[in-house]
Structures are given as C-alpha cells and as structure tokens.
Amino acid sequence: MQEKTSSKPSNRKPSKWEKNKVGVFWTKEQPNGKTFLSGNINIDGKLHKVCIFKNDFSNGNTPHFQAFKVDEKLNEE
C-alpha cells in the first residue's frame, strides 16, 4: 500500500534528533560483494557527497571505517 504524503506544512516541532541530523546514508554493494555507505553530509549549508568503507586493515588503534569525499570531477573522467 502506498503511503500518502501531504504538501501542507506540518505544525509539529522538529525533534532534537531532526535538528541535529547532518547527513544521510544508504548501503550499497560493490561488484566484489562488499558493502559500503553512500550519502551526503551537510556542512555549513553545503552538501558534500561521501562514501564510507570498512577498513579491512583495521588493527589496534586504526579506524574501523574510513570516509571519503566524492569529487564530481573524478566521476566525469
């Protein structure tokens, strides 16, 4: 069943979580079967596309995940 949406503005106040949200991500799958996160982060009103990958070489004090800014120019090459 399709959910109905309204174009009328809501009178409810945004929750604390909604006010603090800085980005959104979706899980995607690489051709090799590994998954990663793809989305964007809002910094000072500007959206930045980001991909987050699990660090397969994580050891000791190294990060478990690494985030990379997606450069649109790289996609055009």
N, C-alpha and C. Protein backbone atom coordinates (compact mmCIF):
# COMPACT_ATOMS: atom_id res chain seq x y z
N MET A 1 0.84 -1.18 0.00
CA MET A 1 0.00 0.00 0.00
C MET A 1 0.89 1.25 0.00
N GLN A 2 0.57 2.22 -0.81
CA GLN A 2 1.36 3.42 -0.91
C GLN A 2 1.01 4.39 0.21
N GLU A 3 2.04 4.99 0.78
CA GLU A 3 1.85 5.96 1.86
C GLU A 3 1.49 7.31 1.26
N LYS A 4 0.48 7.97 1.84
CA LYS A 4 0.07 9.28 1.36
C LYS A 4 0.97 10.34 1.97
N THR A 5 1.36 11.30 1.16
CA THR A 5 2.14 12.42 1.65
C THR A 5 1.35 13.69 1.44
N SER A 6 1.63 14.65 2.27
CA SER A 6 0.90 15.91 2.21
C SER A 6 1.86 17.03 1.86
N SER A 7 1.40 17.98 1.06
CA SER A 7 2.22 19.13 0.73
C SER A 7 1.98 20.27 1.72
N LYS A 8 1.09 20.05 2.68
CA LYS A 8 0.81 21.06 3.69
C LYS A 8 1.94 21.06 4.72
N PRO A 9 2.38 22.24 5.16
CA PRO A 9 3.43 22.28 6.17
C PRO A 9 2.92 21.70 7.50
N SER A 10 3.81 21.00 8.17
CA SER A 10 3.47 20.39 9.45
C SER A 10 3.62 21.42 10.56
N ASN A 11 2.71 21.37 11.53
CA ASN A 11 2.78 22.29 12.66
C ASN A 11 3.60 21.75 13.81
N ARG A 12 4.07 20.50 13.70
CA ARG A 12 4.83 19.92 14.79
C ARG A 12 6.26 20.45 14.79
N LYS A 13 6.85 20.51 15.98
CA LYS A 13 8.23 20.96 16.12
C LYS A 13 9.17 19.81 15.76
N PRO A 14 10.28 20.13 15.10
CA PRO A 14 11.24 19.08 14.81
C PRO A 14 11.84 18.54 16.11
N SER A 15 12.09 17.25 16.14
CA SER A 15 12.67 16.64 17.34
C SER A 15 14.14 17.04 17.45
N LYS A 16 14.71 16.77 18.61
CA LYS A 16 16.12 17.06 18.84
C LYS A 16 16.98 16.31 17.83
N TRP A 17 16.59 15.07 17.52
CA TRP A 17 17.34 14.26 16.55
C TRP A 17 17.27 14.89 15.17
N GLU A 18 16.11 15.38 14.77
CA GLU A 18 15.96 16.02 13.46
C GLU A 18 16.80 17.28 13.36
N LYS A 19 16.86 18.05 14.44
CA LYS A 19 17.65 19.28 14.46
C LYS A 19 19.14 18.99 14.35
N ASN A 20 19.57 17.86 14.91
CA ASN A 20 21.00 17.53 14.95
C ASN A 20 21.47 16.69 13.76
N LYS A 21 20.56 16.31 12.88
CA LYS A 21 20.94 15.49 11.72
C LYS A 21 21.83 16.29 10.78
N VAL A 22 22.95 15.70 10.38
CA VAL A 22 23.88 16.37 9.47
C VAL A 22 24.06 15.62 8.16
N GLY A 23 23.49 14.42 8.06
CA GLY A 23 23.65 13.68 6.83
C GLY A 23 22.80 12.44 6.77
N VAL A 24 22.80 11.81 5.60
CA VAL A 24 22.04 10.58 5.37
C VAL A 24 22.89 9.64 4.53
N PHE A 25 22.71 8.32 4.75
CA PHE A 25 23.50 7.33 4.02
C PHE A 25 22.64 6.13 3.64
N TRP A 26 23.00 5.50 2.54
CA TRP A 26 22.36 4.28 2.07
C TRP A 26 23.43 3.21 1.93
N THR A 27 23.07 1.96 2.16
CA THR A 27 24.02 0.88 1.94
C THR A 27 24.00 0.51 0.46
N LYS A 28 25.18 0.29 -0.08
CA LYS A 28 25.34 -0.11 -1.48
C LYS A 28 26.29 -1.30 -1.53
N GLU A 29 26.27 -2.00 -2.65
CA GLU A 29 27.13 -3.16 -2.80
C GLU A 29 28.08 -2.98 -3.97
N GLN A 30 29.35 -3.27 -3.73
CA GLN A 30 30.37 -3.22 -4.76
C GLN A 30 30.28 -4.49 -5.62
N PRO A 31 30.87 -4.47 -6.82
CA PRO A 31 30.85 -5.68 -7.66
C PRO A 31 31.46 -6.91 -6.98
N ASN A 32 32.40 -6.68 -6.03
CA ASN A 32 33.03 -7.80 -5.33
C ASN A 32 32.19 -8.31 -4.16
N GLY A 33 31.00 -7.73 -3.96
CA GLY A 33 30.10 -8.18 -2.91
C GLY A 33 30.23 -7.46 -1.59
N LYS A 34 31.26 -6.64 -1.43
CA LYS A 34 31.43 -5.89 -0.18
C LYS A 34 30.46 -4.71 -0.17
N THR A 35 29.99 -4.36 1.02
CA THR A 35 29.05 -3.25 1.14
C THR A 35 29.77 -2.00 1.64
N PHE A 36 29.17 -0.85 1.32
CA PHE A 36 29.68 0.43 1.78
C PHE A 36 28.50 1.38 1.95
N LEU A 37 28.75 2.52 2.56
CA LEU A 37 27.71 3.54 2.74
C LEU A 37 27.95 4.67 1.75
N SER A 38 26.88 5.15 1.15
CA SER A 38 26.96 6.26 0.21
C SER A 38 25.89 7.28 0.60
N GLY A 39 26.26 8.53 0.66
CA GLY A 39 25.28 9.55 1.04
C GLY A 39 25.88 10.93 1.01
N ASN A 40 25.36 11.80 1.86
CA ASN A 40 25.87 13.16 1.91
C ASN A 40 25.84 13.71 3.32
N ILE A 41 26.71 14.69 3.54
CA ILE A 41 26.80 15.38 4.82
C ILE A 41 26.62 16.87 4.54
N ASN A 42 25.84 17.54 5.37
CA ASN A 42 25.60 18.97 5.24
C ASN A 42 26.55 19.70 6.18
N ILE A 43 27.49 20.46 5.60
CA ILE A 43 28.43 21.25 6.39
C ILE A 43 28.24 22.71 6.02
N ASP A 44 27.83 23.51 6.98
CA ASP A 44 27.60 24.94 6.78
C ASP A 44 26.69 25.22 5.59
N GLY A 45 25.63 24.41 5.45
CA GLY A 45 24.64 24.63 4.42
C GLY A 45 25.02 24.08 3.05
N LYS A 46 26.17 23.45 2.93
CA LYS A 46 26.61 22.89 1.65
C LYS A 46 26.65 21.37 1.75
N LEU A 47 26.04 20.68 0.77
CA LEU A 47 26.03 19.23 0.76
C LEU A 47 27.33 18.68 0.18
N HIS A 48 27.90 17.70 0.87
CA HIS A 48 29.12 17.03 0.42
C HIS A 48 28.80 15.56 0.26
N LYS A 49 29.04 15.01 -0.95
CA LYS A 49 28.82 13.58 -1.18
C LYS A 49 29.97 12.81 -0.54
N VAL A 50 29.60 11.72 0.14
CA VAL A 50 30.59 10.95 0.90
C VAL A 50 30.33 9.45 0.72
N CYS A 51 31.40 8.67 0.68
CA CYS A 51 31.32 7.21 0.73
C CYS A 51 32.12 6.74 1.93
N ILE A 52 31.58 5.76 2.66
CA ILE A 52 32.24 5.23 3.85
C ILE A 52 32.47 3.74 3.63
N PHE A 53 33.74 3.32 3.81
CA PHE A 53 34.12 1.94 3.61
C PHE A 53 34.67 1.35 4.91
N LYS A 54 34.43 0.07 5.13
CA LYS A 54 35.02 -0.64 6.27
C LYS A 54 36.50 -0.75 6.01
N ASN A 55 37.31 -0.49 7.04
CA ASN A 55 38.75 -0.61 6.93
C ASN A 55 39.13 -2.06 7.15
N ASP A 56 39.38 -2.79 6.08
CA ASP A 56 39.73 -4.21 6.18
C ASP A 56 41.10 -4.43 6.84
N PHE A 57 41.88 -3.37 6.97
CA PHE A 57 43.21 -3.48 7.55
C PHE A 57 43.25 -2.88 8.96
N SER A 58 42.08 -2.77 9.59
CA SER A 58 41.98 -2.22 10.94
C SER A 58 42.76 -3.10 11.90
N ASN A 59 43.63 -2.45 12.67
CA ASN A 59 44.46 -3.19 13.61
C ASN A 59 44.82 -2.26 14.77
N GLY A 60 44.51 -2.68 15.99
CA GLY A 60 44.86 -1.86 17.16
C GLY A 60 44.11 -0.56 17.18
N ASN A 61 44.84 0.55 17.05
CA ASN A 61 44.26 1.89 17.19
C ASN A 61 43.89 2.51 15.84
N THR A 62 43.80 1.72 14.77
CA THR A 62 43.41 2.27 13.47
C THR A 62 41.89 2.32 13.38
N PRO A 63 41.36 3.22 12.55
CA PRO A 63 39.90 3.35 12.46
C PRO A 63 39.24 2.12 11.84
N HIS A 64 38.02 1.84 12.26
CA HIS A 64 37.27 0.71 11.72
C HIS A 64 36.64 1.04 10.38
N PHE A 65 36.37 2.34 10.15
CA PHE A 65 35.77 2.80 8.90
C PHE A 65 36.52 4.03 8.41
N GLN A 66 36.50 4.24 7.09
CA GLN A 66 37.13 5.42 6.50
C GLN A 66 36.12 6.11 5.60
N ALA A 67 36.04 7.45 5.69
CA ALA A 67 35.11 8.24 4.88
C ALA A 67 35.88 9.01 3.82
N PHE A 68 35.31 9.03 2.62
CA PHE A 68 35.94 9.73 1.50
C PHE A 68 34.94 10.67 0.85
N LYS A 69 35.36 11.91 0.61
CA LYS A 69 34.54 12.86 -0.12
C LYS A 69 34.56 12.46 -1.58
N VAL A 70 33.39 12.44 -2.21
CA VAL A 70 33.28 12.07 -3.62
C VAL A 70 33.43 13.33 -4.45
N ASP A 71 34.46 13.37 -5.26
CA ASP A 71 34.72 14.51 -6.13
C ASP A 71 34.00 14.28 -7.44
N GLU A 72 33.07 15.17 -7.78
CA GLU A 72 32.28 15.02 -9.02
C GLU A 72 33.18 14.96 -10.25
N LYS A 73 34.32 15.64 -10.23
CA LYS A 73 35.22 15.63 -11.37
C LYS A 73 35.79 14.25 -11.60
N LEU A 74 36.00 13.47 -10.53
CA LEU A 74 36.52 12.12 -10.68
C LEU A 74 35.51 11.23 -11.42
N ASN A 75 34.23 11.48 -11.19
CA ASN A 75 33.18 10.68 -11.83
C ASN A 75 33.10 10.95 -13.33
N GLU A 76 33.53 12.13 -13.76
CA GLU A 76 33.44 12.51 -15.16
C GLU A 76 34.59 11.94 -15.98
N GLU A 77 35.70 11.56 -15.33
CA GLU A 77 36.88 11.05 -16.05
C GLU A 77 36.69 9.64 -16.51
